[in-house]
Every structure is written in C-alpha cells, then in structure tokens.
C-alpha cells in the first residue's frame, strides 16, 4: 500500500485544509459598532435615524424659504440653541441676521470669497432626526435637544422644529456650518455614525420608547 496520497487532477483525495476553520485573515469578530448595536437591541433602545438633507444650504434665500416651510408659515414653534421659542409669520427674518449669514454671503461676493468656478460651501446643514411610529413626540424633541446641547452647545448656532404630521415623529434642525470659533463643520459618514450612536444613547436616557397612545 503506497504511503503517498492518491492524486486526482493534481489535488489530494482528502483536501482537509479546504474545510478547516477560517484562518486569522478571515473576519470572525464583531466590530465595536456591531457590539454596540447588539447591546442596544438587548436593552431595547429605540431605533433612531439621523439624516443630512443635501439640497440647499448655500443660498440665504433658500435657507429662509426652508425655515418658512419647517414652521409651516408661522404655525409651528422654532426653538433656538439658547432655548428661545419663535412663533409667527416672518420670524425667520429675525433669526438669520443674528447668525451673521448675510455677512458670510456678502463675503462670498467680494474678492475674499471663493472662486466663481468653485461651488460655495454650505452656510447651514439641514439635519433630520426621527424615531419609530408611536414614540411620544415630546420625548423625541427632548432627546434631540439633549443631543444638540452635548454636540453643538456653545459652538454652533442651530434652530429646530418638531413635526408630527407623519406616523414617525421627527425633528428638523438647521445648523450653522461655521462655529462661533470660526471652524467649519464637515459631515462625513463617520460623523453620522457617531451622531446616531449619541442620539440613540440620549433617547434611552429619556426613556423614549414606542407608545401606542402617543403623548
């Protein structure tokens, strides 16, 4: 009886290595993000969404129109970063000058602004925060306010408004792209992952859980 393995078309009859456990080069451990997701699922933390609306934000007129849309022509309250509640037609005209956006737009038109062949950077970021249907709207708003204070407090100006006209309560936020210290905020995928985790943790602290009765 031969001591050598029988070869079939250049391969051994028993190819044990092909059926072995994957080597160290194969991914066999959860990432920190996956571990966090499993933990939150076990703890029944609410699923949340943080989204950046990409259209608009470079033009002052467009920003004003968007604010008018968000507060439904003055019917809904706009809440600012300093806790002030603005309601009524035309309140956006009082808000934007306080952010010095007019100065930034004028600077773009001057020789100090960007070249004409380059798209100007956004003056504001438009963010959307939402939770599942049945979540009490008041608690969604409170979770967003807590998140905003932790993430943007004393750095970026912002204003937000709660919408309840859809099954899932959501909050729109207009965030000034340039901080009070003159630093521009660039939102990347990693930024959104970080914000989503922070918002989810804050929602858990607010005991934001789906409630069929609403709030």
Protein backbone atom coordinates (compact mmCIF):
# COMPACT_ATOMS: atom_id res chain seq x y z
CA UNK A 1 0.00 0.00 0.00
CA UNK A 2 1.50 3.28 -1.08
CA UNK A 3 2.42 5.89 1.54
CA UNK A 4 1.56 8.77 -0.75
CA UNK A 5 -1.90 10.34 -1.09
CA UNK A 6 -3.70 9.44 -4.25
CA UNK A 7 -3.72 12.47 -6.56
CA UNK A 8 -6.76 13.44 -8.66
CA UNK A 9 -6.02 16.02 -11.31
CA UNK A 10 -3.20 17.43 -9.21
CA UNK A 11 -5.25 17.61 -5.96
CA UNK A 12 -5.11 15.24 -2.95
CA UNK A 13 -8.05 12.93 -2.41
CA UNK A 14 -8.63 14.40 1.05
CA UNK A 15 -8.33 18.18 0.95
CA UNK A 16 -8.62 18.79 4.68
CA UNK A 17 -7.45 22.42 4.57
CA UNK A 18 -10.38 23.48 2.39
CA UNK A 19 -12.86 22.54 5.12
CA UNK A 20 -10.96 23.82 8.12
CA UNK A 21 -11.93 26.80 10.29
CA UNK A 22 -11.14 30.14 8.61
CA UNK A 23 -7.67 31.46 9.34
CA UNK A 24 -6.77 34.62 11.18
CA UNK A 25 -7.15 36.63 7.98
CA UNK A 26 -10.89 35.96 7.92
CA UNK A 27 -13.20 38.28 9.91
CA UNK A 28 -14.54 36.27 12.85
CA UNK A 29 -15.12 39.00 15.46
CA UNK A 30 -17.77 41.72 15.78
CA UNK A 31 -16.81 45.31 15.21
CA UNK A 32 -17.32 47.83 18.06
CA UNK A 33 -20.31 49.23 16.15
CA UNK A 34 -21.91 45.77 15.90
CA UNK A 35 -21.30 45.10 19.59
CA UNK A 36 -22.98 48.41 20.45
CA UNK A 37 -25.95 47.55 18.22
CA UNK A 38 -26.36 44.14 19.88
CA UNK A 39 -26.18 45.74 23.34
CA UNK A 40 -28.77 48.35 22.45
CA UNK A 41 -31.04 45.71 20.94
CA UNK A 42 -30.88 43.64 24.14
CA UNK A 43 -31.63 46.76 26.16
CA UNK A 44 -34.48 47.59 23.77
CA UNK A 45 -33.12 51.04 22.99
CA UNK A 46 -35.24 52.79 20.35
CA UNK A 47 -34.09 52.67 16.74
CA UNK A 48 -33.25 56.15 15.53
CA UNK A 49 -32.31 57.91 12.33
CA UNK A 50 -30.05 60.91 11.75
CA UNK A 51 -30.03 62.15 8.19
CA UNK A 52 -28.43 65.07 6.34
CA UNK A 53 -30.58 66.70 3.67
CA UNK A 54 -28.14 67.55 0.94
CA UNK A 55 -30.08 70.05 -1.14
CA UNK A 56 -29.82 73.76 -0.36
CA UNK A 57 -27.86 75.48 2.34
CA UNK A 58 -25.63 77.66 0.16
CA UNK A 59 -28.08 80.47 -0.51
CA UNK A 60 -29.64 82.78 2.08
CA UNK A 61 -32.97 82.97 0.24
CA UNK A 62 -33.18 79.19 0.05
CA UNK A 63 -32.45 78.91 3.79
CA UNK A 64 -35.19 81.41 4.56
CA UNK A 65 -37.69 79.51 2.38
CA UNK A 66 -36.76 76.26 4.11
CA UNK A 67 -37.37 77.78 7.54
CA UNK A 68 -40.76 79.05 6.36
CA UNK A 69 -41.59 75.53 5.22
CA UNK A 70 -40.44 73.99 8.51
CA UNK A 71 -42.53 76.24 10.73
CA UNK A 72 -45.48 75.95 8.33
CA UNK A 73 -45.64 79.66 7.70
CA UNK A 74 -45.52 80.55 11.38
CA UNK A 75 -47.89 77.89 12.76
CA UNK A 76 -45.19 75.83 14.49
CA UNK A 77 -42.61 76.86 17.08
CA UNK A 78 -38.97 77.22 16.13
CA UNK A 79 -36.71 76.54 19.11
CA UNK A 80 -33.24 78.09 19.09
CA UNK A 81 -29.97 76.96 20.64
CA UNK A 82 -30.48 79.38 23.57
CA UNK A 83 -33.93 77.95 24.35
CA UNK A 84 -35.97 80.76 22.80
CA UNK A 85 -39.22 79.73 21.11
CA UNK A 86 -40.13 81.68 18.00
CA UNK A 87 -43.61 81.53 16.53
CA UNK A 88 -45.42 83.58 13.96
CA UNK A 89 -45.11 84.60 10.34
CA UNK A 90 -41.76 86.11 9.41
CA UNK A 91 -39.79 85.03 12.49
CA UNK A 92 -37.12 83.55 10.22
CA UNK A 93 -36.26 87.07 9.07
CA UNK A 94 -35.32 87.94 12.66
CA UNK A 95 -33.39 84.72 13.23
CA UNK A 96 -30.97 84.67 10.30
CA UNK A 97 -29.40 88.13 10.82
CA UNK A 98 -28.47 87.02 14.33
CA UNK A 99 -26.38 84.25 12.75
CA UNK A 100 -24.44 86.74 10.55
CA UNK A 101 -25.27 84.73 7.44
CA UNK A 102 -25.73 87.93 5.47
CA UNK A 103 -22.11 88.84 6.18
CA UNK A 104 -20.95 85.43 5.00
CA UNK A 105 -22.95 85.76 1.79
CA UNK A 106 -21.55 89.27 1.19
CA UNK A 107 -18.03 87.96 1.75
CA UNK A 108 -18.55 85.42 -1.00
CA UNK A 109 -19.40 88.15 -3.44
CA UNK A 110 -16.25 90.07 -2.59
CA UNK A 111 -12.72 89.32 -3.61
CA UNK A 112 -12.28 87.37 -0.37
CA UNK A 113 -14.90 84.81 -1.37
CA UNK A 114 -14.33 81.53 -3.24
CA UNK A 115 -13.53 81.45 -6.93
CA UNK A 116 -16.51 81.52 -9.29
CA UNK A 117 -15.60 78.12 -10.71
CA UNK A 118 -15.86 76.52 -7.26
CA UNK A 119 -19.16 75.65 -5.60
CA UNK A 120 -19.50 77.71 -2.42
CA UNK A 121 -19.56 75.76 0.86
CA UNK A 122 -22.82 75.40 2.73
CA UNK A 123 -23.74 78.11 5.18
CA UNK A 124 -26.01 75.69 7.07
CA UNK A 125 -26.55 71.96 7.37
CA UNK A 126 -30.10 70.60 7.28
CA UNK A 127 -30.49 67.65 9.65
CA UNK A 128 -33.39 65.27 10.28
CA UNK A 129 -33.85 63.22 13.48
CA UNK A 130 -36.58 60.61 13.71
CA UNK A 131 -37.79 57.63 15.76
CA UNK A 132 -40.29 54.80 15.17
CA UNK A 133 -44.05 55.36 14.92
CA UNK A 134 -45.73 55.54 18.31
CA UNK A 135 -42.81 57.28 20.03
CA UNK A 136 -44.11 60.18 22.15
CA UNK A 137 -43.31 63.33 20.14
CA UNK A 138 -42.42 65.40 23.20
CA UNK A 139 -39.76 62.89 24.20
CA UNK A 140 -38.33 62.81 20.68
CA UNK A 141 -37.91 66.57 20.84
CA UNK A 142 -36.32 66.31 24.29
CA UNK A 143 -33.84 63.71 23.03
CA UNK A 144 -32.84 65.96 20.11
CA UNK A 145 -32.43 68.93 22.45
CA UNK A 146 -30.17 66.90 24.74
CA UNK A 147 -28.12 65.70 21.79
CA UNK A 148 -27.78 69.21 20.38
CA UNK A 149 -26.66 70.67 23.71
CA UNK A 150 -23.99 67.99 24.08
CA UNK A 151 -22.78 68.12 20.47
CA UNK A 152 -23.19 71.77 19.44
CA UNK A 153 -23.61 73.78 22.64
CA UNK A 154 -21.52 76.99 22.69
CA UNK A 155 -20.08 76.01 19.31
CA UNK A 156 -22.71 76.05 16.55
CA UNK A 157 -25.92 78.06 16.28
CA UNK A 158 -28.99 75.96 15.50
CA UNK A 159 -32.76 76.01 15.41
CA UNK A 160 -35.18 73.07 15.44
CA UNK A 161 -38.84 72.27 14.95
CA UNK A 162 -40.92 69.18 15.78
CA UNK A 163 -43.14 67.64 13.08
CA UNK A 164 -45.91 65.18 13.93
CA UNK A 165 -47.71 65.08 10.58
CA UNK A 166 -46.29 61.62 9.78
CA UNK A 167 -46.55 58.31 11.68
CA UNK A 168 -42.97 58.66 12.94
CA UNK A 169 -42.34 61.88 14.92
CA UNK A 170 -39.29 63.75 13.66
CA UNK A 171 -37.33 66.91 14.29
CA UNK A 172 -35.81 69.15 11.64
CA UNK A 173 -32.71 71.10 12.57
CA UNK A 174 -30.94 73.93 10.78
CA UNK A 175 -27.31 74.02 11.94
CA UNK A 176 -24.91 76.85 11.13
CA UNK A 177 -21.95 75.26 9.36
CA UNK A 178 -19.35 77.64 10.78
CA UNK A 179 -18.86 77.54 14.54
CA UNK A 180 -18.61 80.53 16.83
CA UNK A 181 -14.87 79.84 16.87
CA UNK A 182 -14.70 80.12 13.07
CA UNK A 183 -14.31 76.39 12.34
CA UNK A 184 -16.32 74.83 9.53
CA UNK A 185 -18.15 71.58 10.19
CA UNK A 186 -17.74 68.91 7.52
CA UNK A 187 -20.15 66.00 7.96
CA UNK A 188 -18.75 62.62 6.96
CA UNK A 189 -20.06 59.06 7.26
CA UNK A 190 -18.11 58.59 10.48
CA UNK A 191 -19.68 61.78 11.82
CA UNK A 192 -23.18 60.44 11.15
CA UNK A 193 -22.36 57.12 12.84
CA UNK A 194 -21.14 59.00 15.90
CA UNK A 195 -24.20 61.24 15.97
CA UNK A 196 -26.55 58.29 15.56
CA UNK A 197 -24.96 56.47 18.49
CA UNK A 198 -25.05 59.60 20.67
CA UNK A 199 -28.67 60.30 19.74
CA UNK A 200 -29.65 56.70 20.48
CA UNK A 201 -27.96 56.80 23.89
CA UNK A 202 -29.66 60.09 24.69
CA UNK A 203 -33.01 58.66 23.64
CA UNK A 204 -32.50 55.76 26.02
CA UNK A 205 -31.79 58.16 28.88
CA UNK A 206 -35.02 60.00 28.10
CA UNK A 207 -36.92 56.70 28.27
CA UNK A 208 -38.10 57.23 24.70
CA UNK A 209 -39.96 54.03 23.87
CA UNK A 210 -42.78 53.35 21.40
CA UNK A 211 -46.14 54.17 22.95
CA UNK A 212 -49.37 53.40 21.03
CA UNK A 213 -51.23 56.10 22.97
CA UNK A 214 -48.79 58.85 21.92
CA UNK A 215 -48.13 61.78 24.23
